[in-house]
Amino acid sequence: MAVPELPKQHQRSREYSGEKQRAFSSLQLFFLVRLSRLLQLRQYYAGLAGHDTNELRLLDRAIFATYCDCIDTGVGEDARDLFSQRGAISKS
């Protein structure tokens, strides 16, 4: 079963409401892209019929750990924005 791919993101800045741009360090960008990918996988697998709840639990743990890494590197607000863009992750 094929998992959808994320578009390649090589941007080092992000636009906020057209007002300002913010530059990310490579570590910050790594964790934000990782979080985005994990959220995409979580959404994909949660929508499959007959999904394994243990797999979703592992994804949830990876998402939480990556979110904590985002907070530690100073991009917690950007990480929260990713959650709101993807919608709340429902408990299955």
PDB file of N, CA and C in Angstrom:
ATOM      1  N   MET A   1       0.844  -1.155   0.000  1.00  0.00           N
ATOM      2  CA  MET A   1       0.000   0.000   0.000  1.00  0.00           C
ATOM      3  C   MET A   1       0.898   1.229   0.000  1.00  0.00           C
ATOM      4  N   ALA A   2       0.604   2.130  -0.899  1.00  0.00           N
ATOM      5  CA  ALA A   2       1.436   3.318  -1.062  1.00  0.00           C
ATOM      6  C   ALA A   2       0.962   4.437  -0.142  1.00  0.00           C
ATOM      7  N   VAL A   3       1.918   5.067   0.497  1.00  0.00           N
ATOM      8  CA  VAL A   3       1.629   6.206   1.351  1.00  0.00           C
ATOM      9  C   VAL A   3       1.859   7.465   0.534  1.00  0.00           C
ATOM     10  N   PRO A   4       0.945   8.432   0.583  1.00  0.00           N
ATOM     11  CA  PRO A   4       1.131   9.644  -0.208  1.00  0.00           C
ATOM     12  C   PRO A   4       2.391  10.388   0.198  1.00  0.00           C
ATOM     13  N   GLU A   5       3.055  10.972  -0.768  1.00  0.00           N
ATOM     14  CA  GLU A   5       4.293  11.698  -0.535  1.00  0.00           C
ATOM     15  C   GLU A   5       4.007  13.163  -0.254  1.00  0.00           C
ATOM     16  N   LEU A   6       4.849  13.751   0.559  1.00  0.00           N
ATOM     17  CA  LEU A   6       4.779  15.192   0.808  1.00  0.00           C
ATOM     18  C   LEU A   6       5.518  15.914  -0.308  1.00  0.00           C
ATOM     19  N   PRO A   7       5.084  17.097  -0.656  1.00  0.00           N
ATOM     20  CA  PRO A   7       5.878  17.867  -1.603  1.00  0.00           C
ATOM     21  C   PRO A   7       7.210  18.221  -0.974  1.00  0.00           C
ATOM     22  N   LYS A   8       8.232  18.297  -1.800  1.00  0.00           N
ATOM     23  CA  LYS A   8       9.558  18.642  -1.297  1.00  0.00           C
ATOM     24  C   LYS A   8       9.535  20.056  -0.751  1.00  0.00           C
ATOM     25  N   GLN A   9      10.010  20.207   0.472  1.00  0.00           N
ATOM     26  CA  GLN A   9      10.016  21.523   1.102  1.00  0.00           C
ATOM     27  C   GLN A   9      11.448  21.921   1.408  1.00  0.00           C
ATOM     28  N   HIS A  10      11.964  22.797   0.584  1.00  0.00           N
ATOM     29  CA  HIS A  10      13.328  23.266   0.796  1.00  0.00           C
ATOM     30  C   HIS A  10      13.342  24.727   1.210  1.00  0.00           C
ATOM     31  N   GLN A  11      12.193  25.239   1.615  1.00  0.00           N
ATOM     32  CA  GLN A  11      12.123  26.630   2.014  1.00  0.00           C
ATOM     33  C   GLN A  11      12.687  26.786   3.417  1.00  0.00           C
ATOM     34  N   ARG A  12      13.370  27.866   3.620  1.00  0.00           N
ATOM     35  CA  ARG A  12      13.902  28.163   4.948  1.00  0.00           C
ATOM     36  C   ARG A  12      13.160  29.322   5.591  1.00  0.00           C
ATOM     37  N   SER A  13      12.083  29.738   4.995  1.00  0.00           N
ATOM     38  CA  SER A  13      11.297  30.806   5.603  1.00  0.00           C
ATOM     39  C   SER A  13       9.829  30.495   5.440  1.00  0.00           C
ATOM     40  N   ARG A  14       9.026  31.163   6.232  1.00  0.00           N
ATOM     41  CA  ARG A  14       7.595  30.933   6.203  1.00  0.00           C
ATOM     42  C   ARG A  14       6.890  32.267   6.288  1.00  0.00           C
ATOM     43  N   GLU A  15       5.860  32.412   5.522  1.00  0.00           N
ATOM     44  CA  GLU A  15       5.131  33.669   5.505  1.00  0.00           C
ATOM     45  C   GLU A  15       4.016  33.629   6.539  1.00  0.00           C
ATOM     46  N   TYR A  16       3.886  34.678   7.310  1.00  0.00           N
ATOM     47  CA  TYR A  16       2.830  34.806   8.307  1.00  0.00           C
ATOM     48  C   TYR A  16       1.863  35.874   7.839  1.00  0.00           C
ATOM     49  N   SER A  17       0.708  35.476   7.371  1.00  0.00           N
ATOM     50  CA  SER A  17      -0.356  36.387   6.971  1.00  0.00           C
ATOM     51  C   SER A  17       0.139  37.469   6.021  1.00  0.00           C
ATOM     52  N   GLY A  18       1.161  37.179   5.245  1.00  0.00           N
ATOM     53  CA  GLY A  18       1.684  38.154   4.309  1.00  0.00           C
ATOM     54  C   GLY A  18       2.427  39.298   4.971  1.00  0.00           C
ATOM     55  N   GLU A  19       2.642  39.248   6.271  1.00  0.00           N
ATOM     56  CA  GLU A  19       3.256  40.357   6.986  1.00  0.00           C
ATOM     57  C   GLU A  19       4.769  40.233   7.085  1.00  0.00           C
ATOM     58  N   LYS A  20       5.242  39.090   7.531  1.00  0.00           N
ATOM     59  CA  LYS A  20       6.673  38.955   7.773  1.00  0.00           C
ATOM     60  C   LYS A  20       7.131  37.545   7.426  1.00  0.00           C
ATOM     61  N   GLN A  21       8.420  37.390   7.267  1.00  0.00           N
ATOM     62  CA  GLN A  21       8.996  36.077   7.019  1.00  0.00           C
ATOM     63  C   GLN A  21       9.934  35.752   8.169  1.00  0.00           C
ATOM     64  N   ARG A  22      10.050  34.474   8.436  1.00  0.00           N
ATOM     65  CA  ARG A  22      10.912  34.019   9.517  1.00  0.00           C
ATOM     66  C   ARG A  22      11.859  32.965   8.977  1.00  0.00           C
ATOM     67  N   ALA A  23      13.119  33.089   9.287  1.00  0.00           N
ATOM     68  CA  ALA A  23      14.110  32.103   8.854  1.00  0.00           C
ATOM     69  C   ALA A  23      14.233  31.019   9.923  1.00  0.00           C
ATOM     70  N   PHE A  24      14.293  29.778   9.479  1.00  0.00           N
ATOM     71  CA  PHE A  24      14.466  28.647  10.381  1.00  0.00           C
ATOM     72  C   PHE A  24      15.888  28.113  10.259  1.00  0.00           C
ATOM     73  N   SER A  25      16.407  27.625  11.371  1.00  0.00           N
ATOM     74  CA  SER A  25      17.682  26.908  11.310  1.00  0.00           C
ATOM     75  C   SER A  25      17.414  25.542  10.678  1.00  0.00           C
ATOM     76  N   SER A  26      18.466  24.868  10.288  1.00  0.00           N
ATOM     77  CA  SER A  26      18.284  23.552   9.671  1.00  0.00           C
ATOM     78  C   SER A  26      17.668  22.557  10.662  1.00  0.00           C
ATOM     79  N   LEU A  27      17.997  22.677  11.942  1.00  0.00           N
ATOM     80  CA  LEU A  27      17.431  21.775  12.952  1.00  0.00           C
ATOM     81  C   LEU A  27      15.944  22.054  13.150  1.00  0.00           C
ATOM     82  N   GLN A  28      15.569  23.325  13.222  1.00  0.00           N
ATOM     83  CA  GLN A  28      14.162  23.681  13.355  1.00  0.00           C
ATOM     84  C   GLN A  28      13.370  23.184  12.154  1.00  0.00           C
ATOM     85  N   LEU A  29      13.911  23.391  10.975  1.00  0.00           N
ATOM     86  CA  LEU A  29      13.234  22.949   9.754  1.00  0.00           C
ATOM     87  C   LEU A  29      13.098  21.431   9.721  1.00  0.00           C
ATOM     88  N   PHE A  30      14.130  20.725  10.173  1.00  0.00           N
ATOM     89  CA  PHE A  30      14.087  19.264  10.225  1.00  0.00           C
ATOM     90  C   PHE A  30      12.906  18.789  11.067  1.00  0.00           C
ATOM     91  N   PHE A  31      12.758  19.355  12.264  1.00  0.00           N
ATOM     92  CA  PHE A  31      11.683  18.908  13.150  1.00  0.00           C
ATOM     93  C   PHE A  31      10.307  19.314  12.632  1.00  0.00           C
ATOM     94  N   LEU A  32      10.190  20.479  12.022  1.00  0.00           N
ATOM     95  CA  LEU A  32       8.898  20.895  11.472  1.00  0.00           C
ATOM     96  C   LEU A  32       8.480  20.020  10.294  1.00  0.00           C
ATOM     97  N   VAL A  33       9.422  19.699   9.418  1.00  0.00           N
ATOM     98  CA  VAL A  33       9.107  18.827   8.276  1.00  0.00           C
ATOM     99  C   VAL A  33       8.781  17.422   8.771  1.00  0.00           C
ATOM    100  N   ARG A  34       9.523  16.957   9.760  1.00  0.00           N
ATOM    101  CA  ARG A  34       9.244  15.631  10.335  1.00  0.00           C
ATOM    102  C   ARG A  34       7.849  15.594  10.953  1.00  0.00           C
ATOM    103  N   LEU A  35       7.489  16.631  11.705  1.00  0.00           N
ATOM    104  CA  LEU A  35       6.166  16.682  12.316  1.00  0.00           C
ATOM    105  C   LEU A  35       5.077  16.701  11.255  1.00  0.00           C
ATOM    106  N   SER A  36       5.281  17.476  10.212  1.00  0.00           N
ATOM    107  CA  SER A  36       4.303  17.539   9.125  1.00  0.00           C
ATOM    108  C   SER A  36       4.115  16.164   8.488  1.00  0.00           C
ATOM    109  N   ARG A  37       5.201  15.468   8.259  1.00  0.00           N
ATOM    110  CA  ARG A  37       5.136  14.130   7.659  1.00  0.00           C
ATOM    111  C   ARG A  37       4.414  13.140   8.583  1.00  0.00           C
ATOM    112  N   LEU A  38       4.733  13.180   9.869  1.00  0.00           N
ATOM    113  CA  LEU A  38       4.080  12.273  10.816  1.00  0.00           C
ATOM    114  C   LEU A  38       2.587  12.552  10.911  1.00  0.00           C
ATOM    115  N   LEU A  39       2.211  13.825  10.889  1.00  0.00           N
ATOM    116  CA  LEU A  39       0.787  14.166  10.920  1.00  0.00           C
ATOM    117  C   LEU A  39       0.080  13.675   9.661  1.00  0.00           C
ATOM    118  N   GLN A  40       0.764  13.760   8.536  1.00  0.00           N
ATOM    119  CA  GLN A  40       0.187  13.264   7.291  1.00  0.00           C
ATOM    120  C   GLN A  40       0.004  11.745   7.354  1.00  0.00           C
ATOM    121  N   LEU A  41       0.988  11.051   7.855  1.00  0.00           N
ATOM    122  CA  LEU A  41       0.874   9.595   7.992  1.00  0.00           C
ATOM    123  C   LEU A  41      -0.251   9.221   8.946  1.00  0.00           C
ATOM    124  N   ARG A  42      -0.365   9.950  10.051  1.00  0.00           N
ATOM    125  CA  ARG A  42      -1.422   9.674  11.033  1.00  0.00           C
ATOM    126  C   ARG A  42      -2.800   9.836  10.403  1.00  0.00           C
ATOM    127  N   GLN A  43      -2.960  10.896   9.646  1.00  0.00           N
ATOM    128  CA  GLN A  43      -4.235  11.153   8.986  1.00  0.00           C
ATOM    129  C   GLN A  43      -4.542  10.064   7.956  1.00  0.00           C
ATOM    130  N   TYR A  44      -3.534   9.663   7.220  1.00  0.00           N
ATOM    131  CA  TYR A  44      -3.704   8.629   6.193  1.00  0.00           C
ATOM    132  C   TYR A  44      -4.105   7.292   6.814  1.00  0.00           C
ATOM    133  N   TYR A  45      -3.353   6.843   7.814  1.00  0.00           N
ATOM    134  CA  TYR A  45      -3.621   5.531   8.406  1.00  0.00           C
ATOM    135  C   TYR A  45      -4.895   5.508   9.232  1.00  0.00           C
ATOM    136  N   ALA A  46      -5.271   6.618   9.831  1.00  0.00           N
ATOM    137  CA  ALA A  46      -6.511   6.669  10.600  1.00  0.00           C
ATOM    138  C   ALA A  46      -7.718   6.519   9.680  1.00  0.00           C
ATOM    139  N   GLY A  47      -7.566   6.901   8.418  1.00  0.00           N
ATOM    140  CA  GLY A  47      -8.668   6.801   7.467  1.00  0.00           C
ATOM    141  C   GLY A  47      -8.813   5.431   6.828  1.00  0.00           C
ATOM    142  N   LEU A  48      -7.865   4.547   7.049  1.00  0.00           N
ATOM    143  CA  LEU A  48      -7.940   3.212   6.458  1.00  0.00           C
ATOM    144  C   LEU A  48      -8.850   2.306   7.264  1.00  0.00           C
ATOM    145  N   ALA A  49      -9.608   1.509   6.564  1.00  0.00           N
ATOM    146  CA  ALA A  49     -10.456   0.521   7.246  1.00  0.00           C
ATOM    147  C   ALA A  49      -9.552  -0.594   7.776  1.00  0.00           C
ATOM    148  N   GLY A  50      -9.827  -1.031   8.972  1.00  0.00           N
ATOM    149  CA  GLY A  50      -9.073  -2.148   9.550  1.00  0.00           C
ATOM    150  C   GLY A  50      -7.658  -1.791   9.950  1.00  0.00           C
ATOM    151  N   HIS A  51      -7.411  -0.519  10.291  1.00  0.00           N
ATOM    152  CA  HIS A  51      -6.063  -0.119  10.684  1.00  0.00           C
ATOM    153  C   HIS A  51      -5.723  -0.693  12.059  1.00  0.00           C
ATOM    154  N   ASP A  52      -4.459  -0.864  12.285  1.00  0.00           N
ATOM    155  CA  ASP A  52      -3.965  -1.407  13.548  1.00  0.00           C
ATOM    156  C   ASP A  52      -3.813  -0.267  14.561  1.00  0.00           C
ATOM    157  N   THR A  53      -4.505  -0.367  15.678  1.00  0.00           N
ATOM    158  CA  THR A  53      -4.444   0.708  16.673  1.00  0.00           C
ATOM    159  C   THR A  53      -3.065   0.824  17.308  1.00  0.00           C
ATOM    160  N   ASN A  54      -2.302  -0.265  17.336  1.00  0.00           N
ATOM    161  CA  ASN A  54      -0.941  -0.199  17.865  1.00  0.00           C
ATOM    162  C   ASN A  54      -0.060   0.671  16.981  1.00  0.00           C
ATOM    163  N   GLU A  55      -0.252   0.584  15.666  1.00  0.00           N
ATOM    164  CA  GLU A  55       0.518   1.424  14.746  1.00  0.00           C
ATOM    165  C   GLU A  55       0.172   2.894  14.955  1.00  0.00           C
ATOM    166  N   LEU A  56      -1.105   3.181  15.144  1.00  0.00           N
ATOM    167  CA  LEU A  56      -1.519   4.565  15.376  1.00  0.00           C
ATOM    168  C   LEU A  56      -0.956   5.080  16.696  1.00  0.00           C
ATOM    169  N   ARG A  57      -0.913   4.224  17.695  1.00  0.00           N
ATOM    170  CA  ARG A  57      -0.333   4.625  18.979  1.00  0.00           C
ATOM    171  C   ARG A  57       1.143   4.969  18.836  1.00  0.00           C
ATOM    172  N   LEU A  58       1.861   4.174  18.054  1.00  0.00           N
ATOM    173  CA  LEU A  58       3.279   4.459  17.815  1.00  0.00           C
ATOM    174  C   LEU A  58       3.451   5.784  17.068  1.00  0.00           C
ATOM    175  N   LEU A  59       2.586   6.025  16.094  1.00  0.00           N
ATOM    176  CA  LEU A  59       2.635   7.298  15.382  1.00  0.00           C
ATOM    177  C   LEU A  59       2.344   8.458  16.333  1.00  0.00           C
ATOM    178  N   ASP A  60       1.367   8.276  17.210  1.00  0.00           N
ATOM    179  CA  ASP A  60       1.035   9.324  18.176  1.00  0.00           C
ATOM    180  C   ASP A  60       2.231   9.641  19.077  1.00  0.00           C
ATOM    181  N   ARG A  61       2.944   8.615  19.484  1.00  0.00           N
ATOM    182  CA  ARG A  61       4.130   8.837  20.320  1.00  0.00           C
ATOM    183  C   ARG A  61       5.227   9.570  19.556  1.00  0.00           C
ATOM    184  N   ALA A  62       5.410   9.203  18.295  1.00  0.00           N
ATOM    185  CA  ALA A  62       6.406   9.881  17.463  1.00  0.00           C
ATOM    186  C   ALA A  62       6.012  11.341  17.239  1.00  0.00           C
ATOM    187  N   ILE A  63       4.718  11.578  17.055  1.00  0.00           N
ATOM    188  CA  ILE A  63       4.227  12.946  16.879  1.00  0.00           C
ATOM    189  C   ILE A  63       4.484  13.761  18.142  1.00  0.00           C
ATOM    190  N   PHE A  64       4.170  13.189  19.291  1.00  0.00           N
ATOM    191  CA  PHE A  64       4.383  13.906  20.550  1.00  0.00           C
ATOM    192  C   PHE A  64       5.864  14.210  20.774  1.00  0.00           C
ATOM    193  N   ALA A  65       6.727  13.230  20.537  1.00  0.00           N
ATOM    194  CA  ALA A  65       8.166  13.427  20.733  1.00  0.00           C
ATOM    195  C   ALA A  65       8.701  14.509  19.800  1.00  0.00           C
ATOM    196  N   THR A  66       8.234  14.498  18.565  1.00  0.00           N
ATOM    197  CA  THR A  66       8.678  15.500  17.596  1.00  0.00           C
ATOM    198  C   THR A  66       8.143  16.874  17.965  1.00  0.00           C
ATOM    199  N   TYR A  67       6.915  16.931  18.465  1.00  0.00           N
ATOM    200  CA  TYR A  67       6.354  18.198  18.938  1.00  0.00           C
ATOM    201  C   TYR A  67       7.202  18.754  20.084  1.00  0.00           C
ATOM    202  N   CYS A  68       7.614  17.899  20.997  1.00  0.00           N
ATOM    203  CA  CYS A  68       8.483  18.332  22.097  1.00  0.00           C
ATOM    204  C   CYS A  68       9.817  18.855  21.571  1.00  0.00           C
ATOM    205  N   ASP A  69      10.347  18.203  20.541  1.00  0.00           N
ATOM    206  CA  ASP A  69      11.585  18.675  19.916  1.00  0.00           C
ATOM    207  C   ASP A  69      11.383  20.055  19.289  1.00  0.00           C
ATOM    208  N   CYS A  70      10.218  20.265  18.683  1.00  0.00           N
ATOM    209  CA  CYS A  70       9.912  21.576  18.104  1.00  0.00           C
ATOM    210  C   CYS A  70       9.894  22.640  19.194  1.00  0.00           C
ATOM    211  N   ILE A  71       9.290  22.332  20.325  1.00  0.00           N
ATOM    212  CA  ILE A  71       9.252  23.281  21.443  1.00  0.00           C
ATOM    213  C   ILE A  71      10.665  23.577  21.931  1.00  0.00           C
ATOM    214  N   ASP A  72      11.468  22.526  22.075  1.00  0.00           N
ATOM    215  CA  ASP A  72      12.846  22.695  22.557  1.00  0.00           C
ATOM    216  C   ASP A  72      13.700  23.539  21.621  1.00  0.00           C
ATOM    217  N   THR A  73      13.408  23.496  20.326  1.00  0.00           N
ATOM    218  CA  THR A  73      14.205  24.267  19.360  1.00  0.00           C
ATOM    219  C   THR A  73      13.597  25.637  19.073  1.00  0.00           C
ATOM    220  N   GLY A  74      12.492  25.969  19.765  1.00  0.00           N
ATOM    221  CA  GLY A  74      11.931  27.303  19.640  1.00  0.00           C
ATOM    222  C   GLY A  74      10.898  27.499  18.554  1.00  0.00           C
ATOM    223  N   VAL A  75      10.353  26.410  18.018  1.00  0.00           N
ATOM    224  CA  VAL A  75       9.331  26.536  16.969  1.00  0.00           C
ATOM    225  C   VAL A  75       8.021  25.879  17.391  1.00  0.00           C
ATOM    226  N   GLY A  76       7.724  25.982  18.673  1.00  0.00           N
ATOM    227  CA  GLY A  76       6.489  25.404  19.196  1.00  0.00           C
ATOM    228  C   GLY A  76       5.246  26.013  18.576  1.00  0.00           C
ATOM    229  N   GLU A  77       5.253  27.322  18.369  1.00  0.00           N
ATOM    230  CA  GLU A  77       4.109  28.003  17.763  1.00  0.00           C
ATOM    231  C   GLU A  77       3.884  27.509  16.331  1.00  0.00           C
ATOM    232  N   ASP A  78       4.969  27.320  15.601  1.00  0.00           N
ATOM    233  CA  ASP A  78       4.868  26.811  14.230  1.00  0.00           C
ATOM    234  C   ASP A  78       4.352  25.376  14.227  1.00  0.00           C
ATOM    235  N   ALA A  79       4.764  24.595  15.219  1.00  0.00           N
ATOM    236  CA  ALA A  79       4.285  23.220  15.338  1.00  0.00           C
ATOM    237  C   ALA A  79       2.783  23.205  15.614  1.00  0.00           C
ATOM    238  N   ARG A  80       2.330  24.087  16.497  1.00  0.00           N
ATOM    239  CA  ARG A  80       0.892  24.174  16.776  1.00  0.00           C
ATOM    240  C   ARG A  80       0.122  24.584  15.522  1.00  0.00           C
ATOM    241  N   ASP A  81       0.724  25.439  14.708  1.00  0.00           N
ATOM    242  CA  ASP A  81       0.090  25.820  13.441  1.00  0.00           C
ATOM    243  C   ASP A  81      -0.090  24.607  12.529  1.00  0.00           C
ATOM    244  N   LEU A  82       0.886  23.702  12.531  1.00  0.00           N
ATOM    245  CA  LEU A  82       0.766  22.484  11.716  1.00  0.00           C
ATOM    246  C   LEU A  82      -0.411  21.635  12.185  1.00  0.00           C
ATOM    247  N   PHE A  83      -0.590  21.549  13.510  1.00  0.00           N
ATOM    248  CA  PHE A  83      -1.725  20.792  14.041  1.00  0.00           C
ATOM    249  C   PHE A  83      -3.039  21.417  13.589  1.00  0.00           C
ATOM    250  N   SER A  84      -3.123  22.728  13.669  1.00  0.00           N
ATOM    251  CA  SER A  84      -4.389  23.380  13.291  1.00  0.00           C
ATOM    252  C   SER A  84      -4.624  23.290  11.783  1.00  0.00           C
ATOM    253  N   GLN A  85      -3.573  23.296  10.973  1.00  0.00           N
ATOM    254  CA  GLN A  85      -3.726  23.144   9.519  1.00  0.00           C
ATOM    255  C   GLN A  85      -4.262  21.764   9.178  1.00  0.00           C
ATOM    256  N   ARG A  86      -3.813  20.765   9.881  1.00  0.00           N
ATOM    257  CA  ARG A  86      -4.237  19.391   9.617  1.00  0.00           C
ATOM    258  C   ARG A  86      -5.535  19.041  10.314  1.00  0.00           C
ATOM    259  N   GLY A  87      -5.994  19.913  11.181  1.00  0.00           N
ATOM    260  CA  GLY A  87      -7.191  19.606  11.961  1.00  0.00           C
ATOM    261  C   GLY A  87      -6.784  18.798  13.170  1.00  0.00           C
ATOM    262  N   ALA A  88      -7.655  18.751  14.133  1.00  0.00           N
ATOM    263  CA  ALA A  88      -7.355  17.999  15.357  1.00  0.00           C
ATOM    264  C   ALA A  88      -7.244  16.522  15.019  1.00  0.00           C
ATOM    265  N   ILE A  89      -6.274  15.866  15.602  1.00  0.00           N
ATOM    266  CA  ILE A  89      -6.105  14.425  15.407  1.00  0.00           C
ATOM    267  C   ILE A  89      -7.083  13.728  16.336  1.00  0.00           C
ATOM    268  N   SER A  90      -7.982  12.984  15.729  1.00  0.00           N
ATOM    269  CA  SER A  90      -9.002  12.316  16.528  1.00  0.00           C
ATOM    270  C   SER A  90      -8.455  11.022  17.126  1.00  0.00           C
ATOM    271  N   LYS A  91      -8.923  10.702  18.280  1.00  0.00           N
ATOM    272  CA  LYS A  91      -8.563   9.429  18.916  1.00  0.00           C
ATOM    273  C   LYS A  91      -9.359   8.321  18.269  1.00  0.00           C
ATOM    274  N   SER A  92      -8.675   7.285  17.864  1.00  0.00           N
ATOM    275  CA  SER A  92      -9.355   6.157  17.202  1.00  0.00           C
ATOM    276  C   SER A  92      -9.475   4.997  18.134  1.00  0.00           C
TER     277      SER A  92
END
